[in-house]
Amino acid sequence: MSTDKSRTSRGIEITDDVIEKLVEEAEAGYDPAVLKNRGGRPMLGSAPASVMAVRLDPGLRSAVEAQAEADGTTASDIIRRAIRAYVHVA
């Protein structure tokens, strides 16, 4: 028989009592000023970015990934820079 228990990221066992306490806290509301900023992805411009799917042939994808590795950046950054240069947007 397994004694595997669900735990939080800090290792606290999730029991009915823990859940009830969390529900009470949530229902009471949270002060946004004291909530921890978890960060997230940095903004790429003045507004949240959107995702656009693009199909690349295997050779082009390999070249983009190799260039990103050589530049110490990401494939997404390489693609964004190439598009900006092509459409003349800073």
N, C-alpha and C. Protein backbone atom coordinates (compact mmCIF):
# COMPACT_ATOMS: atom_id res chain seq x y z
N MET A 1 0.85 -1.18 0.00
CA MET A 1 0.00 0.00 0.00
C MET A 1 0.89 1.24 0.00
N SER A 2 0.58 2.18 -0.86
CA SER A 2 1.36 3.40 -0.97
C SER A 2 0.91 4.43 0.06
N THR A 3 1.88 5.12 0.64
CA THR A 3 1.56 6.19 1.59
C THR A 3 1.89 7.55 0.98
N ASP A 4 1.86 7.57 -0.36
CA ASP A 4 2.16 8.80 -1.09
C ASP A 4 1.09 9.85 -0.79
N LYS A 5 1.51 11.00 -0.29
CA LYS A 5 0.58 12.09 0.03
C LYS A 5 0.86 13.27 -0.89
N SER A 6 -0.19 14.02 -1.19
CA SER A 6 0.00 15.24 -1.97
C SER A 6 0.63 16.29 -1.07
N ARG A 7 1.58 17.03 -1.65
CA ARG A 7 2.29 18.05 -0.89
C ARG A 7 2.40 19.32 -1.71
N THR A 8 2.56 20.45 -1.01
CA THR A 8 2.79 21.72 -1.67
C THR A 8 4.22 21.76 -2.18
N SER A 9 4.56 22.80 -2.90
CA SER A 9 5.93 22.95 -3.40
C SER A 9 6.93 23.10 -2.25
N ARG A 10 6.44 23.47 -1.09
CA ARG A 10 7.31 23.60 0.09
C ARG A 10 7.29 22.35 0.96
N GLY A 11 6.64 21.31 0.48
CA GLY A 11 6.64 20.04 1.19
C GLY A 11 5.57 19.87 2.25
N ILE A 12 4.64 20.82 2.35
CA ILE A 12 3.57 20.72 3.34
C ILE A 12 2.51 19.74 2.82
N GLU A 13 2.15 18.78 3.67
CA GLU A 13 1.12 17.82 3.28
C GLU A 13 -0.22 18.52 3.12
N ILE A 14 -0.90 18.23 2.04
CA ILE A 14 -2.20 18.85 1.77
C ILE A 14 -3.28 17.99 2.41
N THR A 15 -3.83 18.50 3.51
CA THR A 15 -4.88 17.81 4.23
C THR A 15 -6.18 18.60 4.09
N ASP A 16 -7.27 18.03 4.56
CA ASP A 16 -8.55 18.74 4.55
C ASP A 16 -8.45 20.03 5.36
N ASP A 17 -7.72 19.99 6.49
CA ASP A 17 -7.56 21.19 7.32
C ASP A 17 -6.80 22.28 6.56
N VAL A 18 -5.76 21.90 5.84
CA VAL A 18 -4.98 22.87 5.05
C VAL A 18 -5.87 23.48 3.97
N ILE A 19 -6.63 22.66 3.29
CA ILE A 19 -7.52 23.15 2.23
C ILE A 19 -8.55 24.11 2.81
N GLU A 20 -9.15 23.75 3.95
CA GLU A 20 -10.14 24.61 4.60
C GLU A 20 -9.54 25.96 4.96
N LYS A 21 -8.33 25.96 5.48
CA LYS A 21 -7.66 27.22 5.84
C LYS A 21 -7.43 28.08 4.59
N LEU A 22 -6.99 27.47 3.51
CA LEU A 22 -6.75 28.20 2.27
C LEU A 22 -8.05 28.78 1.71
N VAL A 23 -9.13 28.01 1.80
CA VAL A 23 -10.43 28.49 1.33
C VAL A 23 -10.87 29.70 2.14
N GLU A 24 -10.71 29.63 3.46
CA GLU A 24 -11.08 30.76 4.33
C GLU A 24 -10.28 32.01 3.97
N GLU A 25 -8.98 31.83 3.76
CA GLU A 25 -8.13 32.97 3.38
C GLU A 25 -8.59 33.57 2.05
N ALA A 26 -8.89 32.71 1.08
CA ALA A 26 -9.30 33.19 -0.24
C ALA A 26 -10.64 33.91 -0.16
N GLU A 27 -11.56 33.36 0.60
CA GLU A 27 -12.87 34.00 0.72
C GLU A 27 -12.79 35.33 1.44
N ALA A 28 -11.84 35.48 2.35
CA ALA A 28 -11.66 36.75 3.07
C ALA A 28 -11.06 37.81 2.13
N GLY A 29 -10.40 37.36 1.09
CA GLY A 29 -9.78 38.27 0.12
C GLY A 29 -8.32 38.51 0.44
N TYR A 30 -7.60 38.96 -0.55
CA TYR A 30 -6.17 39.22 -0.41
C TYR A 30 -5.88 40.68 -0.72
N ASP A 31 -4.94 41.24 -0.01
CA ASP A 31 -4.49 42.60 -0.28
C ASP A 31 -3.44 42.51 -1.39
N PRO A 32 -3.72 43.02 -2.58
CA PRO A 32 -2.75 42.93 -3.68
C PRO A 32 -1.39 43.53 -3.34
N ALA A 33 -1.37 44.50 -2.44
CA ALA A 33 -0.11 45.15 -2.08
C ALA A 33 0.86 44.20 -1.37
N VAL A 34 0.32 43.15 -0.74
CA VAL A 34 1.20 42.24 -0.02
C VAL A 34 1.44 40.92 -0.75
N LEU A 35 0.79 40.74 -1.89
CA LEU A 35 1.01 39.52 -2.66
C LEU A 35 2.39 39.55 -3.30
N LYS A 36 3.00 38.39 -3.36
CA LYS A 36 4.33 38.25 -3.92
C LYS A 36 4.26 38.34 -5.45
N ASN A 37 5.12 39.16 -6.03
CA ASN A 37 5.19 39.24 -7.49
C ASN A 37 5.98 38.03 -7.98
N ARG A 38 5.34 37.18 -8.74
CA ARG A 38 6.00 35.97 -9.22
C ARG A 38 6.72 36.19 -10.54
N GLY A 39 6.72 37.40 -11.02
CA GLY A 39 7.44 37.67 -12.26
C GLY A 39 6.67 37.21 -13.46
N GLY A 40 7.26 36.36 -14.22
CA GLY A 40 6.65 35.92 -15.48
C GLY A 40 7.54 36.37 -16.62
N ARG A 41 7.03 36.23 -17.78
CA ARG A 41 7.81 36.63 -18.95
C ARG A 41 7.86 38.15 -19.04
N PRO A 42 9.01 38.68 -19.38
CA PRO A 42 9.11 40.14 -19.53
C PRO A 42 8.31 40.61 -20.75
N MET A 43 7.84 41.83 -20.67
CA MET A 43 7.10 42.42 -21.80
C MET A 43 8.07 42.60 -22.97
N LEU A 44 7.58 42.39 -24.17
CA LEU A 44 8.40 42.57 -25.37
C LEU A 44 8.18 43.94 -25.99
N GLY A 45 7.20 44.64 -25.52
CA GLY A 45 6.88 45.96 -26.05
C GLY A 45 6.02 46.68 -25.04
N SER A 46 5.10 47.49 -25.54
CA SER A 46 4.26 48.27 -24.64
C SER A 46 3.00 47.52 -24.19
N ALA A 47 2.77 46.35 -24.72
CA ALA A 47 1.59 45.57 -24.37
C ALA A 47 1.96 44.08 -24.37
N PRO A 48 1.12 43.25 -23.75
CA PRO A 48 1.41 41.82 -23.77
C PRO A 48 1.54 41.29 -25.20
N ALA A 49 2.49 40.40 -25.39
CA ALA A 49 2.73 39.83 -26.72
C ALA A 49 1.72 38.72 -27.00
N SER A 50 1.53 38.44 -28.27
CA SER A 50 0.68 37.32 -28.67
C SER A 50 1.55 36.29 -29.38
N VAL A 51 1.04 35.09 -29.43
CA VAL A 51 1.76 33.98 -30.06
C VAL A 51 1.24 33.80 -31.48
N MET A 52 2.17 33.59 -32.41
CA MET A 52 1.81 33.32 -33.80
C MET A 52 2.56 32.07 -34.23
N ALA A 53 1.84 31.06 -34.63
CA ALA A 53 2.48 29.82 -35.06
C ALA A 53 3.03 30.00 -36.48
N VAL A 54 4.25 29.53 -36.69
CA VAL A 54 4.91 29.63 -37.99
C VAL A 54 5.51 28.26 -38.31
N ARG A 55 5.30 27.79 -39.51
CA ARG A 55 5.90 26.51 -39.92
C ARG A 55 7.25 26.78 -40.58
N LEU A 56 8.27 26.05 -40.14
CA LEU A 56 9.61 26.17 -40.71
C LEU A 56 10.04 24.81 -41.24
N ASP A 57 10.67 24.80 -42.39
CA ASP A 57 11.21 23.53 -42.87
C ASP A 57 12.37 23.14 -41.96
N PRO A 58 12.73 21.85 -41.92
CA PRO A 58 13.75 21.39 -40.99
C PRO A 58 15.10 22.11 -41.12
N GLY A 59 15.50 22.42 -42.34
CA GLY A 59 16.78 23.10 -42.53
C GLY A 59 16.78 24.50 -41.96
N LEU A 60 15.69 25.24 -42.18
CA LEU A 60 15.58 26.60 -41.65
C LEU A 60 15.51 26.57 -40.13
N ARG A 61 14.74 25.64 -39.60
CA ARG A 61 14.64 25.53 -38.14
C ARG A 61 16.02 25.24 -37.54
N SER A 62 16.76 24.32 -38.14
CA SER A 62 18.10 24.00 -37.64
C SER A 62 19.02 25.21 -37.69
N ALA A 63 18.92 25.97 -38.77
CA ALA A 63 19.75 27.17 -38.90
C ALA A 63 19.41 28.22 -37.85
N VAL A 64 18.12 28.40 -37.61
CA VAL A 64 17.69 29.37 -36.59
C VAL A 64 18.17 28.93 -35.22
N GLU A 65 18.00 27.65 -34.89
CA GLU A 65 18.43 27.14 -33.60
C GLU A 65 19.95 27.23 -33.44
N ALA A 66 20.70 26.96 -34.50
CA ALA A 66 22.16 27.07 -34.45
C ALA A 66 22.58 28.51 -34.24
N GLN A 67 21.92 29.44 -34.92
CA GLN A 67 22.26 30.87 -34.76
C GLN A 67 21.93 31.34 -33.35
N ALA A 68 20.81 30.90 -32.83
CA ALA A 68 20.42 31.27 -31.47
C ALA A 68 21.46 30.76 -30.47
N GLU A 69 21.90 29.53 -30.66
CA GLU A 69 22.94 28.95 -29.78
C GLU A 69 24.23 29.76 -29.88
N ALA A 70 24.63 30.09 -31.10
CA ALA A 70 25.86 30.86 -31.31
C ALA A 70 25.77 32.25 -30.68
N ASP A 71 24.57 32.85 -30.73
CA ASP A 71 24.38 34.19 -30.19
C ASP A 71 24.05 34.19 -28.71
N GLY A 72 23.82 33.01 -28.14
CA GLY A 72 23.45 32.93 -26.73
C GLY A 72 22.07 33.50 -26.47
N THR A 73 21.16 33.25 -27.40
CA THR A 73 19.80 33.76 -27.27
C THR A 73 18.82 32.65 -27.62
N THR A 74 17.60 33.01 -27.90
CA THR A 74 16.57 32.01 -28.22
C THR A 74 16.19 32.07 -29.70
N ALA A 75 15.60 30.99 -30.18
CA ALA A 75 15.11 30.96 -31.55
C ALA A 75 14.04 32.04 -31.73
N SER A 76 13.20 32.25 -30.73
CA SER A 76 12.16 33.28 -30.81
C SER A 76 12.77 34.66 -31.01
N ASP A 77 13.86 34.93 -30.30
CA ASP A 77 14.51 36.24 -30.44
C ASP A 77 15.10 36.41 -31.84
N ILE A 78 15.70 35.37 -32.38
CA ILE A 78 16.25 35.43 -33.74
C ILE A 78 15.13 35.72 -34.74
N ILE A 79 14.01 35.02 -34.60
CA ILE A 79 12.88 35.19 -35.52
C ILE A 79 12.30 36.60 -35.39
N ARG A 80 12.13 37.10 -34.15
CA ARG A 80 11.61 38.46 -33.97
C ARG A 80 12.52 39.49 -34.62
N ARG A 81 13.84 39.34 -34.42
CA ARG A 81 14.79 40.30 -35.02
C ARG A 81 14.73 40.26 -36.54
N ALA A 82 14.61 39.06 -37.10
CA ALA A 82 14.56 38.93 -38.57
C ALA A 82 13.29 39.58 -39.12
N ILE A 83 12.17 39.36 -38.46
CA ILE A 83 10.91 39.97 -38.92
C ILE A 83 10.97 41.48 -38.80
N ARG A 84 11.49 41.99 -37.66
CA ARG A 84 11.60 43.45 -37.51
C ARG A 84 12.45 44.07 -38.62
N ALA A 85 13.55 43.42 -38.95
CA ALA A 85 14.43 43.92 -40.01
C ALA A 85 13.72 43.89 -41.36
N TYR A 86 12.97 42.84 -41.61
CA TYR A 86 12.29 42.67 -42.89
C TYR A 86 11.18 43.70 -43.08
N VAL A 87 10.41 43.95 -42.03
CA VAL A 87 9.28 44.88 -42.16
C VAL A 87 9.63 46.29 -41.68
N HIS A 88 10.89 46.50 -41.37
CA HIS A 88 11.42 47.81 -40.97
C HIS A 88 10.70 48.40 -39.76
N VAL A 89 10.62 47.56 -38.71
CA VAL A 89 10.02 47.99 -37.44
C VAL A 89 11.09 47.86 -36.37
N ALA A 90 11.23 48.90 -35.55
CA ALA A 90 12.25 48.88 -34.50
C ALA A 90 11.91 47.93 -33.40
